[in-house]
Amino acid sequence: MVVHGAGIREFNRDRVSSSDSESDTGRESTKIYKVRKSRLIALVNWYHVISVFFPYVLMVLIGLFFFQFSFSMYDNREQVEELIVYTVTGKPKVWLLGWQGTFLTLTLVYFFARHEPPVFLLDFHTWEPPDDWKVNHEELLLCMRAQNCFTEESMVFLAKILANSGTGQATAWPPSIVECLKTRQPQVKSVQRARDESQRVVCDCIRHVLDKTQTRAQEVDILIVNCSLFSPTPSLCALAAHEFGMRTDIASYNLSGMGCSASVIAVDLARSLLKARPNAVALVVSTENLTQNLYLGNERSMLLQNTLFRCGGAAMLLSNRRSDSLRAKFKLLHTLRKQGVDDESYECVYECEDSLGNRGVHLSKNIVKVAGRAMERNFTSLGPHVLPVSEMYKVAKAMVSRDVLKGLRVFGERRAFLKGLARRLPVVKPYIPDFKRGIDHFCIHAGGRAVVDGVGENLKLTARQIEASKATLHRYGNTSSSSIWYELAYIREHMGLRKGHRVLQLAFGSGFKCNSAVWLCLQDGPKPDKTISKPWEANKKLD
């Protein structure tokens, strides 16, 4: 039962009489409180009571109305019979018009009841690291050597992986690691240093996206922050709400442990929340924290994280208000999530400790195979939403032909006189649809050069279509969940993004997950500079 604050004060001021009694058997005394019923009634929140019981009262009223209607039909049954006979035999145009109007009304009601409110991306901002956070490959190896824990064999392995990683010579690491260049001492991995890193990235992103959209922090209704490897108390949501003085009734959600695909998960969560909350604004922040996540052991399967991941973050402002469609940059068309549940998927990216107790993330040798299966499941479900009818027809034709020929082959092998003919039947391979016919631009998670090249090869993408991913990997490294937003910023600035273009964001994460989001561009981007031929040269313009 909900009570008012004023009622509680009256209750405290009310005289309470108690009587103590002690039994002869030595039992403890009990207190009996007596309060006037009028005081208890004053404590009831009648608005809450009415809102709880109103649906039941409404059902009773509907039942009474139905009973009254049925009784009136029975009481005037002779006139009802005459009306039915006249309607069936005469077929007046008014009756037909009434049925048509009723059908049209019910169709419209069903359509609007099933129609989801659109979700618009007002704008987004990707974090640009300061110069004192950036290091080149040689400086990064010096930082690793300063930890005084890696063997010479591990240093050679790190140098080899770093040289083939596809990352550039000015990627960002947190200050606690960069400081090792000066001190030549191991990193300070305190919680405060980790919180300082997240505060710098998260607050900078939020401040810029609010300025871009001219939105006050008090206008935000929903706040979602995802960071996989750093989940402090208070949460990063509480940090952002405190820093910007957001409303006390803001709905905040802090996502952790979701891997590099967490940004799509956060957008999908925001979409679900906006569906149930009309005229609302959602702020989504995607980042990762590296301060406390440097692996200090020598197992090769866990050393990869020291060369790929970099600091980064992005903030996105979403809205379901119709008025915001005029100023929004994108409209969310689809989100799709696929989660692997087998042992191989669960263990391919696994946070654990090595034999010496050093914590890190173990990457399985089967990660490429697992990622391929996850992407296949995702694209199989995504195809009907984005592919044209002609591609859908080719997929269906290949599936039917494959099943029919397989059935004929099985039927023929069971009969001796048809075995030779059955073996001559061709084997129809599954048709891989051309997603380039339904998608104009691709944002493939910059998890590494092999990841980008592998996805591009499977989807038969051109070098131009994976340019944004490789440019992001070269300039920023693997910034985890925020990498797809750096790629979208690159596409918008340098690849001639136009109104009506559809953009696919594809991300992979631990678990193993493959998540995708499809956006519709609502505003033209700037015209690209055709004199620039290399992606990293174009990236320099973002400074």
Protein backbone atom coordinates (compact mmCIF):
# COMPACT_ATOMS: atom_id res chain seq x y z
CA MET A 1 0.00 0.00 0.00
CA VAL A 2 1.32 3.43 -0.96
CA VAL A 3 1.16 6.17 1.71
CA HIS A 4 1.58 9.93 1.62
CA GLY A 5 4.38 11.75 3.43
CA ALA A 6 1.84 14.05 5.15
CA GLY A 7 -0.09 11.02 6.37
CA ILE A 8 3.06 9.59 7.90
CA ARG A 9 3.66 12.80 9.80
CA GLU A 10 0.10 12.72 11.09
CA PHE A 11 0.58 9.10 12.02
CA ASN A 12 3.70 9.98 14.01
CA ARG A 13 1.87 12.76 15.83
CA ASP A 14 -1.05 10.51 16.60
CA ARG A 15 -1.31 9.20 20.10
CA VAL A 16 -0.58 5.54 20.31
CA SER A 17 -1.63 3.63 23.34
CA SER A 18 0.04 0.42 24.31
CA SER A 19 -0.52 -2.08 27.03
CA ASP A 20 2.13 -4.45 28.30
CA SER A 21 1.26 -7.76 29.75
CA GLU A 22 3.55 -10.42 31.09
CA SER A 23 2.41 -13.98 31.47
CA ASP A 24 3.10 -16.13 34.50
CA THR A 25 5.19 -18.51 32.37
CA GLY A 26 7.89 -15.86 31.80
CA ARG A 27 7.11 -14.96 28.16
CA GLU A 28 8.32 -11.60 26.87
CA SER A 29 5.97 -8.64 26.98
CA THR A 30 4.12 -7.73 23.78
CA LYS A 31 3.03 -4.26 22.70
CA ILE A 32 -0.45 -3.71 21.29
CA TYR A 33 -0.81 -0.55 19.17
CA LYS A 34 -4.21 1.01 18.73
CA VAL A 35 -4.76 3.62 16.00
CA ARG A 36 -7.99 5.33 14.98
CA LYS A 37 -9.38 3.99 11.66
CA SER A 38 -9.77 7.54 10.38
CA ARG A 39 -6.02 7.98 10.57
CA LEU A 40 -5.39 4.76 8.63
CA ILE A 41 -7.84 5.77 5.89
CA ALA A 42 -6.01 9.08 5.52
CA LEU A 43 -2.83 7.18 4.70
CA VAL A 44 -4.32 5.43 1.65
CA ASN A 45 -3.21 6.65 -1.78
CA TRP A 46 -6.61 6.65 -3.46
CA TYR A 47 -5.19 7.48 -6.89
CA HIS A 48 -3.16 4.29 -6.75
CA VAL A 49 -6.15 2.26 -5.57
CA ILE A 50 -8.38 3.58 -8.37
CA SER A 51 -5.75 2.98 -11.06
CA VAL A 52 -5.32 -0.62 -9.90
CA PHE A 53 -9.02 -1.53 -9.76
CA PHE A 54 -10.28 0.59 -12.68
CA PRO A 55 -9.66 -2.15 -15.34
CA TYR A 56 -11.80 -4.59 -13.36
CA VAL A 57 -14.56 -2.01 -12.96
CA LEU A 58 -14.39 -1.33 -16.70
CA MET A 59 -14.79 -5.05 -17.47
CA VAL A 60 -17.87 -5.18 -15.25
CA LEU A 61 -19.39 -2.17 -17.04
CA ILE A 62 -18.71 -3.76 -20.43
CA GLY A 63 -20.41 -6.95 -19.23
CA LEU A 64 -23.46 -4.99 -18.07
CA PHE A 65 -23.61 -3.16 -21.41
CA PHE A 66 -23.44 -6.46 -23.32
CA PHE A 67 -26.20 -7.92 -21.14
CA GLN A 68 -28.40 -4.86 -21.70
CA PHE A 69 -27.79 -5.02 -25.47
CA SER A 70 -28.66 -8.73 -25.59
CA PHE A 71 -31.82 -8.18 -23.53
CA SER A 72 -32.91 -5.35 -25.85
CA MET A 73 -32.35 -7.59 -28.90
CA TYR A 74 -34.46 -10.33 -27.34
CA ASP A 75 -37.20 -7.93 -26.23
CA ASN A 76 -37.49 -6.51 -29.79
CA ARG A 77 -36.86 -9.78 -31.59
CA GLU A 78 -39.77 -9.34 -34.02
CA GLN A 79 -38.40 -6.04 -35.32
CA VAL A 80 -34.89 -7.53 -35.47
CA GLU A 81 -36.17 -10.41 -37.60
CA GLU A 82 -37.88 -7.99 -40.00
CA LEU A 83 -34.66 -5.97 -40.29
CA ILE A 84 -32.65 -9.11 -41.07
CA VAL A 85 -35.12 -10.26 -43.74
CA TYR A 86 -35.15 -6.81 -45.34
CA THR A 87 -31.37 -6.64 -45.29
CA VAL A 88 -30.89 -10.07 -46.89
CA THR A 89 -33.54 -9.65 -49.60
CA GLY A 90 -33.34 -5.91 -50.30
CA LYS A 91 -29.56 -5.45 -50.07
CA PRO A 92 -29.68 -1.68 -49.74
CA LYS A 93 -26.57 0.29 -50.73
CA VAL A 94 -26.43 1.85 -47.29
CA TRP A 95 -25.91 -1.59 -45.73
CA LEU A 96 -23.07 -2.38 -48.12
CA LEU A 97 -21.54 1.01 -47.44
CA GLY A 98 -21.74 0.30 -43.72
CA TRP A 99 -19.91 -2.99 -44.06
CA GLN A 100 -17.23 -1.36 -46.20
CA GLY A 101 -16.79 1.42 -43.69
CA THR A 102 -16.59 -1.04 -40.81
CA PHE A 103 -13.99 -3.17 -42.60
CA LEU A 104 -11.92 -0.09 -43.45
CA THR A 105 -12.12 1.16 -39.86
CA LEU A 106 -11.04 -2.20 -38.41
CA THR A 107 -8.17 -2.41 -40.92
CA LEU A 108 -6.91 1.05 -39.92
CA VAL A 109 -7.23 0.23 -36.23
CA TYR A 110 -5.24 -3.00 -36.73
CA PHE A 111 -2.58 -1.20 -38.76
CA PHE A 112 -2.03 1.56 -36.21
CA ALA A 113 -2.12 -0.93 -33.34
CA ARG A 114 0.63 -3.02 -34.97
CA HIS A 115 2.66 -0.08 -36.24
CA GLU A 116 5.73 0.69 -34.15
CA PRO A 117 6.68 4.31 -33.56
CA PRO A 118 9.73 5.29 -35.63
CA VAL A 119 13.07 5.79 -33.90
CA PHE A 120 15.23 8.63 -35.18
CA LEU A 121 18.94 9.22 -34.65
CA LEU A 122 19.18 12.96 -34.10
CA ASP A 123 22.98 12.92 -34.22
CA PHE A 124 26.01 11.13 -32.82
CA HIS A 125 29.53 12.03 -31.76
CA THR A 126 32.71 9.95 -31.77
CA TRP A 127 35.42 10.74 -29.24
CA GLU A 128 38.67 12.16 -30.57
CA PRO A 129 41.59 11.34 -28.22
CA PRO A 130 44.04 14.09 -27.26
CA ASP A 131 47.59 13.96 -28.57
CA ASP A 132 49.08 13.02 -25.20
CA TRP A 133 47.05 9.78 -25.27
CA LYS A 134 48.41 8.69 -28.67
CA VAL A 135 51.37 6.35 -29.16
CA ASN A 136 53.02 4.70 -32.15
CA HIS A 137 54.00 1.04 -32.42
CA GLU A 138 57.49 1.54 -30.98
CA GLU A 139 56.19 3.50 -28.00
CA LEU A 140 53.51 0.89 -27.35
CA LEU A 141 56.15 -1.85 -27.21
CA LEU A 142 58.18 0.29 -24.79
CA CYS A 143 55.08 0.54 -22.57
CA MET A 144 54.78 -3.25 -22.65
CA ARG A 145 58.45 -3.71 -21.80
CA ALA A 146 58.09 -1.30 -18.86
CA GLN A 147 55.67 -3.76 -17.19
CA ASN A 148 58.69 -6.00 -16.42
CA CYS A 149 56.65 -9.17 -16.92
CA PHE A 150 56.90 -10.14 -20.59
CA THR A 151 59.53 -12.54 -21.84
CA GLU A 152 61.61 -11.73 -24.89
CA GLU A 153 59.64 -14.32 -26.83
CA SER A 154 56.39 -12.58 -25.90
CA MET A 155 57.81 -9.19 -26.95
CA VAL A 156 58.75 -10.59 -30.36
CA PHE A 157 55.25 -12.05 -30.68
CA LEU A 158 53.65 -8.71 -29.70
CA ALA A 159 55.78 -6.84 -32.24
CA LYS A 160 54.80 -9.29 -34.99
CA ILE A 161 51.09 -9.08 -34.21
CA LEU A 162 51.24 -5.31 -33.94
CA ALA A 163 52.94 -4.96 -37.32
CA ASN A 164 50.18 -7.01 -38.99
CA SER A 165 47.27 -5.58 -36.97
CA GLY A 166 46.30 -2.84 -39.43
CA THR A 167 46.49 -0.15 -36.74
CA GLY A 168 48.27 3.14 -37.43
CA GLN A 169 51.05 5.06 -35.71
CA ALA A 170 48.85 7.36 -33.61
CA THR A 171 46.29 5.32 -31.67
CA ALA A 172 45.12 6.08 -28.14
CA TRP A 173 45.97 4.36 -24.87
CA PRO A 174 44.93 5.56 -21.39
CA PRO A 175 47.26 7.90 -19.49
CA SER A 176 48.08 5.28 -16.87
CA ILE A 177 49.75 3.17 -19.58
CA VAL A 178 51.24 6.03 -21.61
CA GLU A 179 52.93 7.37 -18.47
CA CYS A 180 55.12 4.27 -18.48
CA LEU A 181 57.12 5.88 -21.31
CA LYS A 182 58.38 8.49 -18.85
CA THR A 183 58.52 6.55 -15.59
CA ARG A 184 59.78 3.24 -17.04
CA GLN A 185 57.76 1.67 -14.24
CA PRO A 186 54.79 -0.72 -14.34
CA GLN A 187 51.34 0.76 -14.81
CA VAL A 188 49.22 2.01 -11.89
CA LYS A 189 45.98 0.02 -12.23
CA SER A 190 43.83 1.75 -9.61
CA VAL A 191 40.05 2.03 -9.77
CA GLN A 192 40.31 5.82 -9.68
CA ARG A 193 42.55 5.89 -12.77
CA ALA A 194 40.07 3.63 -14.57
CA ARG A 195 37.17 5.86 -13.52
CA ASP A 196 39.08 8.93 -14.73
CA GLU A 197 39.51 7.33 -18.16
CA SER A 198 35.80 6.54 -18.49
CA GLN A 199 34.78 9.95 -17.17
CA ARG A 200 36.92 11.71 -19.78
CA VAL A 201 35.57 9.68 -22.69
CA VAL A 202 31.93 9.38 -21.64
CA CYS A 203 31.45 12.99 -20.56
CA ASP A 204 33.20 14.40 -23.63
CA CYS A 205 30.94 12.36 -25.93
CA ILE A 206 27.76 13.34 -24.09
CA ARG A 207 28.72 17.02 -23.97
CA HIS A 208 29.38 17.17 -27.71
CA VAL A 209 26.26 15.28 -28.80
CA LEU A 210 24.04 17.45 -26.58
CA ASP A 211 25.64 20.56 -28.08
CA LYS A 212 25.20 19.25 -31.63
CA THR A 213 21.50 18.59 -31.12
CA GLN A 214 20.90 21.63 -28.88
CA THR A 215 19.42 19.35 -26.24
CA ARG A 216 19.49 20.01 -22.51
CA ALA A 217 20.53 17.16 -20.23
CA GLN A 218 17.20 17.48 -18.38
CA GLU A 219 15.35 16.55 -21.59
CA VAL A 220 16.88 13.05 -21.67
CA ASP A 221 14.37 10.41 -20.55
CA ILE A 222 16.46 7.25 -21.04
CA LEU A 223 20.20 6.78 -20.49
CA ILE A 224 22.07 3.64 -21.58
CA VAL A 225 25.83 3.18 -21.15
CA ASN A 226 27.66 0.05 -22.29
CA CYS A 227 31.20 -0.81 -21.20
CA SER A 228 32.18 -4.48 -21.14
CA LEU A 229 35.23 -4.73 -18.87
CA PHE A 230 34.73 -1.92 -16.37
CA SER A 231 31.61 -1.88 -14.20
CA PRO A 232 32.27 0.27 -11.10
CA THR A 233 29.97 1.30 -8.28
CA PRO A 234 28.41 3.83 -8.70
CA SER A 235 27.80 2.88 -12.32
CA LEU A 236 28.88 4.85 -15.38
CA CYS A 237 25.22 5.84 -15.80
CA ALA A 238 25.30 7.40 -12.34
CA LEU A 239 28.56 9.14 -13.26
CA ALA A 240 26.97 10.71 -16.36
CA ALA A 241 23.73 11.66 -14.59
CA HIS A 242 25.70 13.30 -11.78
CA GLU A 243 28.08 15.13 -14.11
CA PHE A 244 25.31 16.68 -16.23
CA GLY A 245 22.61 17.08 -13.58
CA MET A 246 20.04 14.91 -15.32
CA ARG A 247 16.52 14.40 -14.00
CA THR A 248 16.00 12.27 -10.91
CA ASP A 249 13.39 10.12 -12.69
CA ILE A 250 15.65 9.23 -15.63
CA ALA A 251 15.52 5.56 -16.66
CA SER A 252 19.19 4.48 -16.69
CA TYR A 253 20.68 1.15 -17.77
CA ASN A 254 24.32 0.09 -17.45
CA LEU A 255 25.38 -2.80 -19.74
CA SER A 256 28.58 -4.73 -19.05
CA GLY A 257 30.19 -7.93 -20.30
CA MET A 258 28.41 -7.74 -23.69
CA GLY A 259 31.56 -7.51 -25.82
CA CYS A 260 32.24 -5.54 -28.98
CA SER A 261 28.66 -5.86 -30.22
CA ALA A 262 27.19 -4.10 -27.19
CA SER A 263 26.44 -0.84 -29.02
CA VAL A 264 23.85 -2.53 -31.25
CA ILE A 265 22.42 -4.19 -28.13
CA ALA A 266 22.16 -0.77 -26.46
CA VAL A 267 20.42 0.69 -29.51
CA ASP A 268 18.03 -2.27 -29.60
CA LEU A 269 17.28 -1.76 -25.89
CA ALA A 270 16.65 1.95 -26.49
CA ARG A 271 14.29 1.06 -29.34
CA SER A 272 12.28 -1.28 -27.09
CA LEU A 273 12.08 1.32 -24.33
CA LEU A 274 11.04 4.07 -26.74
CA LYS A 275 8.32 1.80 -28.11
CA ALA A 276 6.68 1.76 -24.68
CA ARG A 277 7.36 5.43 -23.93
CA PRO A 278 6.01 7.93 -26.49
CA ASN A 279 7.60 11.34 -27.06
CA ALA A 280 10.82 10.40 -25.31
CA VAL A 281 14.55 10.96 -25.86
CA ALA A 282 17.18 8.26 -25.28
CA LEU A 283 20.92 8.83 -24.89
CA VAL A 284 23.17 5.85 -25.69
CA VAL A 285 26.90 5.86 -24.87
CA SER A 286 29.28 3.12 -26.04
CA THR A 287 32.84 2.89 -24.72
CA GLU A 288 35.50 0.55 -23.35
CA ASN A 289 38.04 0.89 -20.54
CA LEU A 290 41.65 -0.31 -20.84
CA THR A 291 43.24 0.94 -17.61
CA GLN A 292 42.67 -2.25 -15.63
CA ASN A 293 42.62 -4.66 -18.56
CA LEU A 294 46.22 -4.99 -19.67
CA TYR A 295 47.21 -8.65 -19.66
CA LEU A 296 50.48 -9.17 -17.75
CA GLY A 297 51.18 -12.79 -18.63
CA ASN A 298 52.88 -14.64 -21.48
CA GLU A 299 50.21 -16.91 -22.95
CA ARG A 300 49.85 -16.10 -26.65
CA SER A 301 46.10 -16.64 -26.80
CA MET A 302 45.69 -13.83 -24.23
CA LEU A 303 48.41 -11.46 -25.50
CA LEU A 304 46.37 -10.34 -28.52
CA GLN A 305 44.28 -7.94 -26.44
CA ASN A 306 47.42 -5.90 -25.68
CA THR A 307 47.92 -5.05 -29.35
CA LEU A 308 44.41 -4.60 -30.78
CA PHE A 309 42.23 -2.65 -28.35
CA ARG A 310 42.38 1.14 -28.06
CA CYS A 311 40.56 3.92 -26.23
CA GLY A 312 37.41 5.26 -27.86
CA GLY A 313 33.76 6.04 -27.39
CA ALA A 314 30.61 7.35 -29.03
CA ALA A 315 27.35 8.95 -27.91
CA MET A 316 24.07 8.74 -29.82
CA LEU A 317 20.85 10.68 -29.21
CA LEU A 318 17.68 8.82 -30.21
CA SER A 319 14.09 10.06 -30.25
CA ASN A 320 10.62 8.80 -31.19
CA ARG A 321 9.05 12.25 -31.47
CA ARG A 322 7.53 12.91 -34.90
CA SER A 323 8.72 16.51 -34.80
CA ASP A 324 12.35 15.32 -34.58
CA SER A 325 12.11 13.65 -37.99
CA LEU A 326 12.79 17.02 -39.62
CA ARG A 327 16.22 17.40 -38.00
CA ALA A 328 17.25 13.75 -37.55
CA LYS A 329 20.25 12.41 -39.46
CA PHE A 330 19.08 8.76 -39.62
CA LYS A 331 16.04 6.58 -39.04
CA LEU A 332 16.39 3.12 -37.49
CA LEU A 333 14.90 0.47 -39.78
CA HIS A 334 15.90 -2.85 -38.23
CA THR A 335 17.91 -4.33 -35.38
CA LEU A 336 18.74 -8.02 -35.27
CA ARG A 337 20.56 -10.00 -32.59
CA LYS A 338 21.84 -13.57 -32.76
CA GLN A 339 23.30 -15.35 -29.75
CA GLY A 340 25.28 -18.57 -29.91
CA VAL A 341 24.44 -21.03 -27.13
CA ASP A 342 26.82 -23.94 -27.77
CA ASP A 343 30.03 -24.54 -25.80
CA GLU A 344 32.30 -23.46 -28.64
CA SER A 345 30.53 -20.11 -28.99
CA TYR A 346 30.50 -19.50 -25.25
CA GLU A 347 34.21 -20.21 -24.75
CA CYS A 348 35.77 -18.62 -27.86
CA VAL A 349 36.16 -15.20 -26.14
CA TYR A 350 36.56 -15.94 -22.45
CA GLU A 351 37.82 -13.80 -19.58
CA CYS A 352 39.90 -15.94 -17.23
CA GLU A 353 43.26 -16.29 -15.49
CA ASP A 354 46.33 -18.02 -16.85
CA SER A 355 48.35 -20.63 -14.95
CA LEU A 356 50.10 -17.88 -12.94
CA GLY A 357 46.92 -16.04 -11.98
CA ASN A 358 47.20 -13.18 -14.50
CA ARG A 359 43.76 -12.03 -15.63
CA GLY A 360 43.04 -11.55 -19.31
CA VAL A 361 40.79 -12.46 -22.24
CA HIS A 362 41.44 -15.80 -23.92
CA LEU A 363 40.77 -15.91 -27.69
CA SER A 364 40.08 -19.34 -29.12
CA LYS A 365 41.58 -20.59 -32.38
CA ASN A 366 38.04 -21.34 -33.56
CA ILE A 367 36.88 -17.73 -33.31
CA VAL A 368 36.84 -17.24 -37.09
CA LYS A 369 34.68 -20.33 -37.60
CA VAL A 370 32.33 -19.33 -34.77
CA ALA A 371 32.02 -15.79 -36.12
CA GLY A 372 31.20 -17.16 -39.57
CA ARG A 373 28.36 -19.29 -38.21
CA ALA A 374 26.99 -16.39 -36.17
CA MET A 375 27.07 -14.07 -39.19
CA GLU A 376 25.31 -16.68 -41.32
CA ARG A 377 22.46 -16.94 -38.80
CA ASN A 378 22.19 -13.18 -38.58
CA PHE A 379 22.11 -12.59 -42.34
CA THR A 380 19.63 -15.42 -42.89
CA SER A 381 17.15 -13.58 -40.67
CA LEU A 382 18.13 -10.12 -41.93
CA GLY A 383 17.73 -10.95 -45.63
CA PRO A 384 13.91 -10.68 -45.87
CA HIS A 385 14.06 -7.19 -44.35
CA VAL A 386 16.62 -5.65 -46.72
CA LEU A 387 16.92 -7.74 -49.90
CA PRO A 388 14.93 -6.95 -53.07
CA VAL A 389 12.35 -9.41 -54.39
CA SER A 390 14.65 -10.63 -57.15
CA GLU A 391 17.30 -11.77 -54.63
CA MET A 392 14.64 -13.36 -52.44
CA TYR A 393 13.39 -15.30 -55.46
CA LYS A 394 16.89 -16.63 -56.21
CA VAL A 395 17.31 -17.77 -52.60
CA ALA A 396 13.92 -19.52 -52.59
CA LYS A 397 14.59 -21.12 -55.98
CA ALA A 398 17.92 -22.53 -54.80
CA MET A 399 16.39 -23.88 -51.59
CA VAL A 400 13.49 -25.60 -53.42
CA SER A 401 15.78 -27.05 -56.11
CA ARG A 402 18.19 -28.33 -53.49
CA ASP A 403 15.46 -30.04 -51.47
CA VAL A 404 13.76 -31.55 -54.54
CA LEU A 405 16.97 -32.96 -56.00
CA LYS A 406 18.03 -34.28 -52.62
CA GLY A 407 14.71 -36.06 -52.29
CA LEU A 408 14.99 -37.55 -55.80
CA ARG A 409 18.54 -38.70 -55.07
CA VAL A 410 17.44 -40.48 -51.89
CA PHE A 411 14.46 -42.02 -53.72
CA GLY A 412 16.67 -43.25 -56.60
CA GLU A 413 19.35 -44.78 -54.38
CA ARG A 414 16.75 -46.97 -52.72
CA ARG A 415 15.92 -48.60 -56.06
CA ALA A 416 18.57 -50.57 -57.91
CA PHE A 417 17.46 -49.64 -61.44
CA LEU A 418 17.59 -45.88 -60.59
CA LYS A 419 20.92 -45.71 -58.73
CA GLY A 420 22.90 -44.69 -61.80
CA LEU A 421 20.46 -41.93 -62.66
CA ALA A 422 20.33 -40.71 -59.06
CA ARG A 423 24.10 -40.33 -58.89
CA ARG A 424 24.04 -38.13 -62.00
CA LEU A 425 21.71 -35.60 -60.42
CA PRO A 426 23.54 -32.31 -59.77
CA VAL A 427 24.15 -30.99 -56.28
CA VAL A 428 22.67 -27.52 -55.94
CA LYS A 429 24.71 -25.22 -53.73
CA PRO A 430 22.89 -22.73 -51.50
CA TYR A 431 22.60 -19.33 -53.14
CA ILE A 432 24.41 -16.54 -51.28
CA PRO A 433 22.38 -13.37 -51.89
CA ASP A 434 24.01 -10.15 -52.93
CA PHE A 435 23.45 -7.85 -49.95
CA LYS A 436 25.00 -4.99 -51.89
CA ARG A 437 21.67 -4.72 -53.73
CA GLY A 438 19.85 -3.91 -50.49
CA ILE A 439 22.57 -2.06 -48.55
CA ASP A 440 24.49 0.99 -49.77
CA HIS A 441 27.18 1.23 -47.07
CA PHE A 442 28.70 -1.27 -44.63
CA CYS A 443 30.08 -0.61 -41.14
CA ILE A 444 31.93 -3.83 -40.24
CA HIS A 445 33.29 -3.98 -36.71
CA ALA A 446 36.99 -3.10 -36.86
CA GLY A 447 38.06 -6.08 -34.76
CA GLY A 448 41.21 -6.58 -36.81
CA ARG A 449 42.43 -6.82 -40.37
CA ALA A 450 41.46 -10.50 -40.62
CA VAL A 451 37.93 -9.79 -39.38
CA VAL A 452 37.32 -7.01 -41.91
CA ASP A 453 38.83 -8.97 -44.81
CA GLY A 454 36.92 -12.13 -43.87
CA VAL A 455 33.53 -10.44 -43.72
CA GLY A 456 34.26 -8.54 -46.92
CA GLU A 457 35.16 -11.78 -48.70
CA ASN A 458 32.04 -13.60 -47.48
CA LEU A 459 29.75 -10.76 -48.58
CA LYS A 460 31.76 -10.21 -51.80
CA LEU A 461 32.33 -6.56 -50.93
CA THR A 462 34.64 -4.31 -52.90
CA ALA A 463 37.65 -2.51 -51.45
CA ARG A 464 35.62 0.68 -51.50
CA GLN A 465 32.86 -0.88 -49.39
CA ILE A 466 35.26 -1.99 -46.62
CA GLU A 467 37.23 1.24 -46.76
CA ALA A 468 35.48 2.77 -43.75
CA SER A 469 36.32 -0.24 -41.56
CA LYS A 470 39.98 -0.33 -42.57
CA ALA A 471 40.34 3.43 -42.19
CA THR A 472 38.85 3.25 -38.68
CA LEU A 473 41.13 0.36 -37.73
CA HIS A 474 44.18 2.24 -39.01
CA ARG A 475 43.40 5.54 -37.31
CA TYR A 476 41.73 4.47 -34.05
CA GLY A 477 42.40 0.73 -33.67
CA ASN A 478 39.80 -1.63 -32.26
CA THR A 479 37.74 0.65 -30.01
CA SER A 480 35.38 -2.23 -29.22
CA SER A 481 31.64 -1.43 -29.43
CA SER A 482 32.13 2.18 -30.60
CA SER A 483 34.07 1.23 -33.75
CA ILE A 484 30.92 1.03 -35.91
CA TRP A 485 30.19 4.68 -35.12
CA TYR A 486 33.66 5.81 -36.17
CA GLU A 487 32.98 3.99 -39.43
CA LEU A 488 29.60 5.69 -39.86
CA ALA A 489 31.27 9.07 -39.27
CA TYR A 490 33.85 8.20 -41.94
CA ILE A 491 31.15 7.18 -44.42
CA ARG A 492 29.21 10.36 -43.75
CA GLU A 493 32.24 12.60 -44.17
CA HIS A 494 34.15 10.94 -47.00
CA MET A 495 32.01 8.48 -48.96
CA GLY A 496 29.17 10.58 -50.36
CA LEU A 497 26.36 9.48 -48.05
CA ARG A 498 23.04 10.68 -49.48
CA LYS A 499 19.42 10.84 -48.37
CA GLY A 500 17.73 7.47 -48.91
CA HIS A 501 20.92 5.40 -48.57
CA ARG A 502 20.76 2.42 -46.23
CA VAL A 503 23.67 1.69 -43.89
CA LEU A 504 24.35 -1.66 -42.22
CA GLN A 505 26.22 -1.84 -38.92
CA LEU A 506 27.60 -5.31 -38.19
CA ALA A 507 29.33 -6.18 -34.92
CA PHE A 508 30.62 -9.32 -33.22
CA GLY A 509 30.91 -9.89 -29.48
CA SER A 510 31.72 -12.45 -26.83
CA GLY A 511 29.16 -15.08 -26.08
CA PHE A 512 29.26 -15.44 -29.15
CA LYS A 513 27.05 -12.73 -30.65
CA CYS A 514 26.52 -11.25 -34.09
CA ASN A 515 24.31 -8.16 -34.04
CA SER A 516 23.26 -5.84 -36.84
CA ALA A 517 21.41 -2.57 -37.28
CA VAL A 518 20.12 -0.98 -40.49
CA TRP A 519 19.78 2.80 -40.73
CA LEU A 520 18.10 4.99 -43.34
CA CYS A 521 19.90 8.24 -44.10
CA LEU A 522 17.59 11.28 -43.85
CA GLN A 523 20.08 14.05 -44.70
CA ASP A 524 22.84 14.34 -47.27
CA GLY A 525 26.41 14.26 -46.02
CA PRO A 526 29.13 16.61 -47.29
CA LYS A 527 30.52 15.98 -50.75
CA PRO A 528 33.69 13.86 -50.60
CA ASP A 529 37.05 15.19 -51.75
CA LYS A 530 37.86 13.16 -54.88
CA THR A 531 41.51 14.24 -54.80
CA ILE A 532 42.17 12.01 -51.76
CA SER A 533 42.90 8.42 -52.70
CA LYS A 534 43.94 6.73 -49.43
CA PRO A 535 41.65 6.20 -46.43
CA TRP A 536 44.18 7.32 -43.81
CA GLU A 537 44.82 10.54 -45.76
CA ALA A 538 41.11 11.28 -45.62
CA ASN A 539 41.13 10.49 -41.92
CA LYS A 540 43.63 13.28 -41.29
CA LYS A 541 40.88 15.75 -42.09
CA LEU A 542 39.04 14.66 -38.95
CA ASP A 543 41.73 16.21 -36.74
